[in-house]
């Protein structure tokens, strides 16, 4: 009985965290839309396109590493600067 209660509680916490993350991403996308439009209009040399391609490759390699059994630490997932990790 205790495991059922723990499973329900952990599922609720996971769902709540996903909901908050989704709302945060939606708000961030809404706030950054004007800046993104200006940046895309000013991108003459194609730097943003190259950066997006690099980020997609980095994310795919990270997903592949996760699939291979390596896990990223909890601190890496909670780090507020993790979205800037692909920048060099």
PDB file of N, CA and C in Angstrom:
ATOM      1  N   UNK A   1       0.813  -1.193   0.000  1.00  0.00           N
ATOM      2  CA  UNK A   1       0.000   0.000   0.000  1.00  0.00           C
ATOM      3  C   UNK A   1       0.859   1.261   0.000  1.00  0.00           C
ATOM      4  N   UNK A   2       1.960   1.171   0.717  1.00  0.00           N
ATOM      5  CA  UNK A   2       2.826   2.337   0.789  1.00  0.00           C
ATOM      6  C   UNK A   2       3.447   2.637  -0.572  1.00  0.00           C
ATOM      7  N   UNK A   3       3.814   1.617  -1.339  1.00  0.00           N
ATOM      8  CA  UNK A   3       4.411   1.871  -2.639  1.00  0.00           C
ATOM      9  C   UNK A   3       3.425   2.532  -3.585  1.00  0.00           C
ATOM     10  N   UNK A   4       2.168   2.179  -3.493  1.00  0.00           N
ATOM     11  CA  UNK A   4       1.156   2.820  -4.326  1.00  0.00           C
ATOM     12  C   UNK A   4       1.052   4.299  -3.993  1.00  0.00           C
ATOM     13  N   UNK A   5       1.062   4.622  -2.704  1.00  0.00           N
ATOM     14  CA  UNK A   5       1.002   6.022  -2.288  1.00  0.00           C
ATOM     15  C   UNK A   5       2.239   6.782  -2.758  1.00  0.00           C
ATOM     16  N   UNK A   6       3.386   6.157  -2.667  1.00  0.00           N
ATOM     17  CA  UNK A   6       4.628   6.801  -3.112  1.00  0.00           C
ATOM     18  C   UNK A   6       4.610   6.993  -4.623  1.00  0.00           C
ATOM     19  N   UNK A   7       4.132   5.998  -5.353  1.00  0.00           N
ATOM     20  CA  UNK A   7       4.047   6.112  -6.812  1.00  0.00           C
ATOM     21  C   UNK A   7       3.106   7.235  -7.230  1.00  0.00           C
ATOM     22  N   UNK A   8       1.964   7.326  -6.559  1.00  0.00           N
ATOM     23  CA  UNK A   8       1.006   8.392  -6.873  1.00  0.00           C
ATOM     24  C   UNK A   8       1.606   9.752  -6.559  1.00  0.00           C
ATOM     25  N   UNK A   9       2.275   9.875  -5.415  1.00  0.00           N
ATOM     26  CA  UNK A   9       2.885  11.156  -5.035  1.00  0.00           C
ATOM     27  C   UNK A   9       3.993  11.543  -6.006  1.00  0.00           C
ATOM     28  N   UNK A  10       4.841  10.590  -6.384  1.00  0.00           N
ATOM     29  CA  UNK A  10       5.934  10.926  -7.299  1.00  0.00           C
ATOM     30  C   UNK A  10       5.396  11.272  -8.690  1.00  0.00           C
ATOM     31  N   UNK A  11       4.325  10.583  -9.110  1.00  0.00           N
ATOM     32  CA  UNK A  11       3.708  10.918 -10.391  1.00  0.00           C
ATOM     33  C   UNK A  11       3.140  12.329 -10.357  1.00  0.00           C
ATOM     34  N   UNK A  12       2.495  12.687  -9.250  1.00  0.00           N
ATOM     35  CA  UNK A  12       1.939  14.029  -9.118  1.00  0.00           C
ATOM     36  C   UNK A  12       3.039  15.077  -9.156  1.00  0.00           C
ATOM     37  N   UNK A  13       4.132  14.819  -8.456  1.00  0.00           N
ATOM     38  CA  UNK A  13       5.246  15.774  -8.433  1.00  0.00           C
ATOM     39  C   UNK A  13       5.850  15.906  -9.828  1.00  0.00           C
ATOM     40  N   UNK A  14       6.033  14.795 -10.522  1.00  0.00           N
ATOM     41  CA  UNK A  14       6.582  14.841 -11.880  1.00  0.00           C
ATOM     42  C   UNK A  14       5.667  15.607 -12.826  1.00  0.00           C
ATOM     43  N   UNK A  15       4.353  15.369 -12.711  1.00  0.00           N
ATOM     44  CA  UNK A  15       3.403  16.081 -13.562  1.00  0.00           C
ATOM     45  C   UNK A  15       3.383  17.574 -13.251  1.00  0.00           C
ATOM     46  N   UNK A  16       3.452  17.913 -11.975  1.00  0.00           N
ATOM     47  CA  UNK A  16       3.472  19.323 -11.590  1.00  0.00           C
ATOM     48  C   UNK A  16       4.734  20.010 -12.107  1.00  0.00           C
ATOM     49  N   UNK A  17       5.860  19.328 -12.030  1.00  0.00           N
ATOM     50  CA  UNK A  17       7.112  19.905 -12.534  1.00  0.00           C
ATOM     51  C   UNK A  17       7.050  20.091 -14.047  1.00  0.00           C
ATOM     52  N   UNK A  18       6.472  19.124 -14.753  1.00  0.00           N
ATOM     53  CA  UNK A  18       6.341  19.252 -16.208  1.00  0.00           C
ATOM     54  C   UNK A  18       5.407  20.398 -16.568  1.00  0.00           C
ATOM     55  N   UNK A  19       4.352  20.572 -15.802  1.00  0.00           N
ATOM     56  CA  UNK A  19       3.407  21.666 -16.054  1.00  0.00           C
ATOM     57  C   UNK A  19       4.079  23.023 -15.850  1.00  0.00           C
ATOM     58  N   UNK A  20       4.819  23.167 -14.769  1.00  0.00           N
ATOM     59  CA  UNK A  20       5.519  24.425 -14.501  1.00  0.00           C
ATOM     60  C   UNK A  20       6.570  24.689 -15.577  1.00  0.00           C
ATOM     61  N   UNK A  21       7.284  23.653 -15.979  1.00  0.00           N
ATOM     62  CA  UNK A  21       8.289  23.800 -17.031  1.00  0.00           C
ATOM     63  C   UNK A  21       7.638  24.242 -18.340  1.00  0.00           C
ATOM     64  N   UNK A  22       6.503  23.643 -18.678  1.00  0.00           N
ATOM     65  CA  UNK A  22       5.797  24.015 -19.902  1.00  0.00           C
ATOM     66  C   UNK A  22       5.326  25.454 -19.888  1.00  0.00           C
ATOM     67  N   UNK A  23       4.753  25.878 -18.756  1.00  0.00           N
ATOM     68  CA  UNK A  23       4.319  27.272 -18.645  1.00  0.00           C
ATOM     69  C   UNK A  23       5.511  28.224 -18.727  1.00  0.00           C
ATOM     70  N   UNK A  24       6.607  27.846 -18.099  1.00  0.00           N
ATOM     71  CA  UNK A  24       7.808  28.691 -18.154  1.00  0.00           C
ATOM     72  C   UNK A  24       8.334  28.841 -19.567  1.00  0.00           C
ATOM     73  N   UNK A  25       8.362  27.731 -20.315  1.00  0.00           N
ATOM     74  CA  UNK A  25       8.819  27.804 -21.702  1.00  0.00           C
ATOM     75  C   UNK A  25       7.883  28.640 -22.554  1.00  0.00           C
ATOM     76  N   UNK A  26       6.588  28.507 -22.324  1.00  0.00           N
ATOM     77  CA  UNK A  26       5.622  29.297 -23.096  1.00  0.00           C
ATOM     78  C   UNK A  26       5.790  30.784 -22.815  1.00  0.00           C
ATOM     79  N   UNK A  27       5.954  31.133 -21.549  1.00  0.00           N
ATOM     80  CA  UNK A  27       6.150  32.547 -21.199  1.00  0.00           C
ATOM     81  C   UNK A  27       7.465  33.086 -21.761  1.00  0.00           C
ATOM     82  N   UNK A  28       8.501  32.266 -21.692  1.00  0.00           N
ATOM     83  CA  UNK A  28       9.789  32.699 -22.228  1.00  0.00           C
ATOM     84  C   UNK A  28       9.719  32.889 -23.741  1.00  0.00           C
ATOM     85  N   UNK A  29       9.059  31.981 -24.429  1.00  0.00           N
ATOM     86  CA  UNK A  29       8.911  32.108 -25.882  1.00  0.00           C
ATOM     87  C   UNK A  29       8.120  33.366 -26.234  1.00  0.00           C
ATOM     88  N   UNK A  30       7.076  33.650 -25.456  1.00  0.00           N
ATOM     89  CA  UNK A  30       6.264  34.842 -25.692  1.00  0.00           C
ATOM     90  C   UNK A  30       7.081  36.112 -25.452  1.00  0.00           C
ATOM     91  N   UNK A  31       7.886  36.111 -24.401  1.00  0.00           N
ATOM     92  CA  UNK A  31       8.684  37.294 -24.084  1.00  0.00           C
ATOM     93  C   UNK A  31       9.833  37.492 -25.083  1.00  0.00           C
ATOM     94  N   UNK A  32      10.378  36.400 -25.610  1.00  0.00           N
ATOM     95  CA  UNK A  32      11.534  36.501 -26.490  1.00  0.00           C
ATOM     96  C   UNK A  32      11.177  36.632 -27.968  1.00  0.00           C
ATOM     97  N   UNK A  33       9.909  36.526 -28.318  1.00  0.00           N
ATOM     98  CA  UNK A  33       9.504  36.587 -29.724  1.00  0.00           C
ATOM     99  C   UNK A  33       9.955  37.872 -30.426  1.00  0.00           C
ATOM    100  N   UNK A  34       9.745  39.056 -29.832  1.00  0.00           N
ATOM    101  CA  UNK A  34      10.216  40.272 -30.529  1.00  0.00           C
ATOM    102  C   UNK A  34      11.737  40.301 -30.709  1.00  0.00           C
ATOM    103  N   UNK A  35      12.467  39.833 -29.719  1.00  0.00           N
ATOM    104  CA  UNK A  35      13.925  39.817 -29.813  1.00  0.00           C
ATOM    105  C   UNK A  35      14.367  38.841 -30.899  1.00  0.00           C
ATOM    106  N   UNK A  36      13.711  37.689 -30.977  1.00  0.00           N
ATOM    107  CA  UNK A  36      14.052  36.713 -32.012  1.00  0.00           C
ATOM    108  C   UNK A  36      13.775  37.250 -33.410  1.00  0.00           C
ATOM    109  N   UNK A  37      12.681  37.970 -33.566  1.00  0.00           N
ATOM    110  CA  UNK A  37      12.373  38.544 -34.882  1.00  0.00           C
ATOM    111  C   UNK A  37      13.428  39.563 -35.293  1.00  0.00           C
ATOM    112  N   UNK A  38      13.844  40.400 -34.373  1.00  0.00           N
ATOM    113  CA  UNK A  38      14.878  41.398 -34.676  1.00  0.00           C
ATOM    114  C   UNK A  38      16.205  40.698 -34.990  1.00  0.00           C
ATOM    115  N   UNK A  39      16.544  39.673 -34.196  1.00  0.00           N
ATOM    116  CA  UNK A  39      17.796  38.957 -34.419  1.00  0.00           C
ATOM    117  C   UNK A  39      17.795  38.259 -35.777  1.00  0.00           C
ATOM    118  N   UNK A  40      16.682  37.640 -36.149  1.00  0.00           N
ATOM    119  CA  UNK A  40      16.608  36.977 -37.455  1.00  0.00           C
ATOM    120  C   UNK A  40      16.679  37.980 -38.598  1.00  0.00           C
ATOM    121  N   UNK A  41      16.104  39.154 -38.403  1.00  0.00           N
ATOM    122  CA  UNK A  41      16.160  40.180 -39.442  1.00  0.00           C
ATOM    123  C   UNK A  41      17.578  40.717 -39.610  1.00  0.00           C
ATOM    124  N   UNK A  42      18.349  40.756 -38.542  1.00  0.00           N
ATOM    125  CA  UNK A  42      19.702  41.304 -38.592  1.00  0.00           C
ATOM    126  C   UNK A  42      20.776  40.250 -38.882  1.00  0.00           C
ATOM    127  N   UNK A  43      20.392  38.993 -38.997  1.00  0.00           N
ATOM    128  CA  UNK A  43      21.366  37.916 -39.212  1.00  0.00           C
ATOM    129  C   UNK A  43      21.757  37.855 -40.682  1.00  0.00           C
ATOM    130  N   UNK A  44      22.780  38.608 -41.038  1.00  0.00           N
ATOM    131  CA  UNK A  44      23.216  38.685 -42.426  1.00  0.00           C
ATOM    132  C   UNK A  44      24.143  37.528 -42.789  1.00  0.00           C
ATOM    133  N   UNK A  45      25.029  37.149 -41.880  1.00  0.00           N
ATOM    134  CA  UNK A  45      26.042  36.141 -42.183  1.00  0.00           C
ATOM    135  C   UNK A  45      25.567  34.716 -41.911  1.00  0.00           C
ATOM    136  N   UNK A  46      24.361  34.532 -41.437  1.00  0.00           N
ATOM    137  CA  UNK A  46      23.850  33.198 -41.165  1.00  0.00           C
ATOM    138  C   UNK A  46      24.392  32.582 -39.887  1.00  0.00           C
ATOM    139  N   UNK A  47      24.808  33.416 -38.954  1.00  0.00           N
ATOM    140  CA  UNK A  47      25.373  32.927 -37.694  1.00  0.00           C
ATOM    141  C   UNK A  47      24.313  32.215 -36.861  1.00  0.00           C
ATOM    142  N   UNK A  48      23.111  32.765 -36.817  1.00  0.00           N
ATOM    143  CA  UNK A  48      22.049  32.141 -36.020  1.00  0.00           C
ATOM    144  C   UNK A  48      21.665  30.775 -36.566  1.00  0.00           C
ATOM    145  N   UNK A  49      21.626  30.651 -37.881  1.00  0.00           N
ATOM    146  CA  UNK A  49      21.295  29.363 -38.483  1.00  0.00           C
ATOM    147  C   UNK A  49      22.353  28.323 -38.138  1.00  0.00           C
ATOM    148  N   UNK A  50      23.614  28.734 -38.176  1.00  0.00           N
ATOM    149  CA  UNK A  50      24.695  27.817 -37.821  1.00  0.00           C
ATOM    150  C   UNK A  50      24.630  27.441 -36.347  1.00  0.00           C
ATOM    151  N   UNK A  51      24.300  28.399 -35.485  1.00  0.00           N
ATOM    152  CA  UNK A  51      24.209  28.129 -34.054  1.00  0.00           C
ATOM    153  C   UNK A  51      23.075  27.165 -33.762  1.00  0.00           C
ATOM    154  N   UNK A  52      21.934  27.340 -34.442  1.00  0.00           N
ATOM    155  CA  UNK A  52      20.802  26.422 -34.244  1.00  0.00           C
ATOM    156  C   UNK A  52      21.156  25.006 -34.690  1.00  0.00           C
ATOM    157  N   UNK A  53      21.868  24.886 -35.790  1.00  0.00           N
ATOM    158  CA  UNK A  53      22.281  23.561 -36.262  1.00  0.00           C
ATOM    159  C   UNK A  53      23.245  22.913 -35.269  1.00  0.00           C
ATOM    160  N   UNK A  54      24.164  23.687 -34.725  1.00  0.00           N
ATOM    161  CA  UNK A  54      25.095  23.167 -33.727  1.00  0.00           C
ATOM    162  C   UNK A  54      24.352  22.713 -32.481  1.00  0.00           C
ATOM    163  N   UNK A  55      23.351  23.501 -32.058  1.00  0.00           N
ATOM    164  CA  UNK A  55      22.572  23.131 -30.879  1.00  0.00           C
ATOM    165  C   UNK A  55      21.791  21.845 -31.119  1.00  0.00           C
ATOM    166  N   UNK A  56      21.233  21.688 -32.319  1.00  0.00           N
ATOM    167  CA  UNK A  56      20.492  20.455 -32.616  1.00  0.00           C
ATOM    168  C   UNK A  56      21.411  19.245 -32.591  1.00  0.00           C
ATOM    169  N   UNK A  57      22.623  19.398 -33.111  1.00  0.00           N
ATOM    170  CA  UNK A  57      23.582  18.288 -33.069  1.00  0.00           C
ATOM    171  C   UNK A  57      23.979  17.975 -31.631  1.00  0.00           C
ATOM    172  N   UNK A  58      24.191  19.007 -30.815  1.00  0.00           N
ATOM    173  CA  UNK A  58      24.545  18.816 -29.412  1.00  0.00           C
ATOM    174  C   UNK A  58      23.426  18.108 -28.668  1.00  0.00           C
ATOM    175  N   UNK A  59      22.182  18.526 -28.914  1.00  0.00           N
ATOM    176  CA  UNK A  59      21.043  17.913 -28.242  1.00  0.00           C
ATOM    177  C   UNK A  59      20.872  16.459 -28.670  1.00  0.00           C
ATOM    178  N   UNK A  60      21.109  16.163 -29.946  1.00  0.00           N
ATOM    179  CA  UNK A  60      20.997  14.784 -30.420  1.00  0.00           C
ATOM    180  C   UNK A  60      22.083  13.911 -29.803  1.00  0.00           C
ATOM    181  N   UNK A  61      23.293  14.428 -29.680  1.00  0.00           N
ATOM    182  CA  UNK A  61      24.363  13.644 -29.067  1.00  0.00           C
ATOM    183  C   UNK A  61      24.094  13.431 -27.582  1.00  0.00           C
ATOM    184  N   UNK A  62      23.498  14.406 -26.943  1.00  0.00           N
ATOM    185  CA  UNK A  62      23.135  14.276 -25.524  1.00  0.00           C
ATOM    186  C   UNK A  62      22.055  13.218 -25.347  1.00  0.00           C
ATOM    187  N   UNK A  63      21.072  13.212 -26.242  1.00  0.00           N
ATOM    188  CA  UNK A  63      20.015  12.206 -26.173  1.00  0.00           C
ATOM    189  C   UNK A  63      20.589  10.819 -26.446  1.00  0.00           C
ATOM    190  N   UNK A  64      21.532  10.731 -27.365  1.00  0.00           N
ATOM    191  CA  UNK A  64      22.176   9.457 -27.664  1.00  0.00           C
ATOM    192  C   UNK A  64      22.962   8.971 -26.455  1.00  0.00           C
ATOM    193  N   UNK A  65      23.650   9.876 -25.770  1.00  0.00           N
ATOM    194  CA  UNK A  65      24.406   9.505 -24.577  1.00  0.00           C
ATOM    195  C   UNK A  65      23.467   9.034 -23.475  1.00  0.00           C
ATOM    196  N   UNK A  66      22.334   9.681 -23.344  1.00  0.00           N
ATOM    197  CA  UNK A  66      21.355   9.279 -22.342  1.00  0.00           C
ATOM    198  C   UNK A  66      20.792   7.901 -22.695  1.00  0.00           C
ATOM    199  N   UNK A  67      20.611   7.667 -23.967  1.00  0.00           N
ATOM    200  CA  UNK A  67      20.092   6.368 -24.409  1.00  0.00           C
ATOM    201  C   UNK A  67      21.113   5.265 -24.172  1.00  0.00           C
ATOM    202  N   UNK A  68      22.380   5.602 -24.240  1.00  0.00           N
ATOM    203  CA  UNK A  68      23.439   4.620 -24.033  1.00  0.00           C
ATOM    204  C   UNK A  68      23.625   4.259 -22.567  1.00  0.00           C
ATOM    205  N   UNK A  69      22.922   4.891 -21.684  1.00  0.00           N
ATOM    206  CA  UNK A  69      22.998   4.529 -20.279  1.00  0.00           C
ATOM    207  C   UNK A  69      23.648   5.568 -19.400  1.00  0.00           C
ATOM    208  N   UNK A  70      24.324   6.526 -19.980  1.00  0.00           N
ATOM    209  CA  UNK A  70      24.906   7.572 -19.157  1.00  0.00           C
ATOM    210  C   UNK A  70      23.814   8.547 -18.770  1.00  0.00           C
ATOM    211  N   UNK A  71      23.843   8.995 -17.542  1.00  0.00           N
ATOM    212  CA  UNK A  71      22.816   9.919 -17.065  1.00  0.00           C
ATOM    213  C   UNK A  71      23.470  11.236 -16.663  1.00  0.00           C
ATOM    214  N   UNK A  72      22.702  12.285 -16.790  1.00  0.00           N
ATOM    215  CA  UNK A  72      23.169  13.591 -16.366  1.00  0.00           C
ATOM    216  C   UNK A  72      22.716  13.821 -14.933  1.00  0.00           C
ATOM    217  N   UNK A  73      23.493  14.520 -14.174  1.00  0.00           N
ATOM    218  CA  UNK A  73      23.204  14.690 -12.762  1.00  0.00           C
ATOM    219  C   UNK A  73      21.981  15.577 -12.552  1.00  0.00           C
ATOM    220  N   UNK A  74      21.438  15.489 -11.362  1.00  0.00           N
ATOM    221  CA  UNK A  74      20.282  16.303 -11.001  1.00  0.00           C
ATOM    222  C   UNK A  74      20.660  17.777 -11.022  1.00  0.00           C
ATOM    223  N   UNK A  75      21.888  18.094 -10.603  1.00  0.00           N
ATOM    224  CA  UNK A  75      22.329  19.487 -10.616  1.00  0.00           C
ATOM    225  C   UNK A  75      22.394  20.037 -12.035  1.00  0.00           C
ATOM    226  N   UNK A  76      22.749  19.209 -12.992  1.00  0.00           N
ATOM    227  CA  UNK A  76      22.771  19.649 -14.381  1.00  0.00           C
ATOM    228  C   UNK A  76      21.381  19.976 -14.896  1.00  0.00           C
ATOM    229  N   UNK A  77      20.382  19.228 -14.423  1.00  0.00           N
ATOM    230  CA  UNK A  77      19.013  19.486 -14.855  1.00  0.00           C
ATOM    231  C   UNK A  77      18.419  20.702 -14.163  1.00  0.00           C
ATOM    232  N   UNK A  78      18.886  21.012 -12.956  1.00  0.00           N
ATOM    233  CA  UNK A  78      18.354  22.153 -12.211  1.00  0.00           C
ATOM    234  C   UNK A  78      19.145  23.431 -12.425  1.00  0.00           C
ATOM    235  N   UNK A  79      20.233  23.348 -13.143  1.00  0.00           N
ATOM    236  CA  UNK A  79      21.083  24.506 -13.385  1.00  0.00           C
ATOM    237  C   UNK A  79      20.337  25.517 -14.250  1.00  0.00           C
ATOM    238  N   UNK A  80      20.195  26.767 -13.803  1.00  0.00           N
ATOM    239  CA  UNK A  80      19.454  27.751 -14.603  1.00  0.00           C
ATOM    240  C   UNK A  80      20.176  28.147 -15.893  1.00  0.00           C
ATOM    241  N   UNK A  81      21.464  27.854 -16.010  1.00  0.00           N
ATOM    242  CA  UNK A  81      22.225  28.211 -17.201  1.00  0.00           C
ATOM    243  C   UNK A  81      22.407  27.039 -18.149  1.00  0.00           C
ATOM    244  N   UNK A  82      21.676  25.931 -17.958  1.00  0.00           N
ATOM    245  CA  UNK A  82      21.878  24.742 -18.787  1.00  0.00           C
ATOM    246  C   UNK A  82      21.507  25.002 -20.241  1.00  0.00           C
ATOM    247  N   UNK A  83      20.641  25.950 -20.509  1.00  0.00           N
ATOM    248  CA  UNK A  83      20.256  26.255 -21.879  1.00  0.00           C
ATOM    249  C   UNK A  83      21.350  26.991 -22.644  1.00  0.00           C
ATOM    250  N   UNK A  84      22.307  27.494 -21.921  1.00  0.00           N
ATOM    251  CA  UNK A  84      23.430  28.197 -22.557  1.00  0.00           C
ATOM    252  C   UNK A  84      24.640  27.283 -22.730  1.00  0.00           C
ATOM    253  N   UNK A  85      24.502  26.000 -22.438  1.00  0.00           N
ATOM    254  CA  UNK A  85      25.639  25.080 -22.456  1.00  0.00           C
ATOM    255  C   UNK A  85      26.197  24.880 -23.868  1.00  0.00           C
ATOM    256  N   UNK A  86      25.384  25.084 -24.894  1.00  0.00           N
ATOM    257  CA  UNK A  86      25.875  24.868 -26.253  1.00  0.00           C
ATOM    258  C   UNK A  86      26.695  26.040 -26.780  1.00  0.00           C
ATOM    259  N   UNK A  87      26.698  27.155 -26.075  1.00  0.00           N
ATOM    260  CA  UNK A  87      27.468  28.315 -26.524  1.00  0.00           C
ATOM    261  C   UNK A  87      28.944  28.105 -26.215  1.00  0.00           C
ATOM    262  N   UNK A  88      29.779  28.576 -27.110  1.00  0.00           N
ATOM    263  CA  UNK A  88      31.210  28.460 -26.879  1.00  0.00           C
ATOM    264  C   UNK A  88      31.823  29.834 -26.803  1.00  0.00           C
TER     265      UNK A  88
END
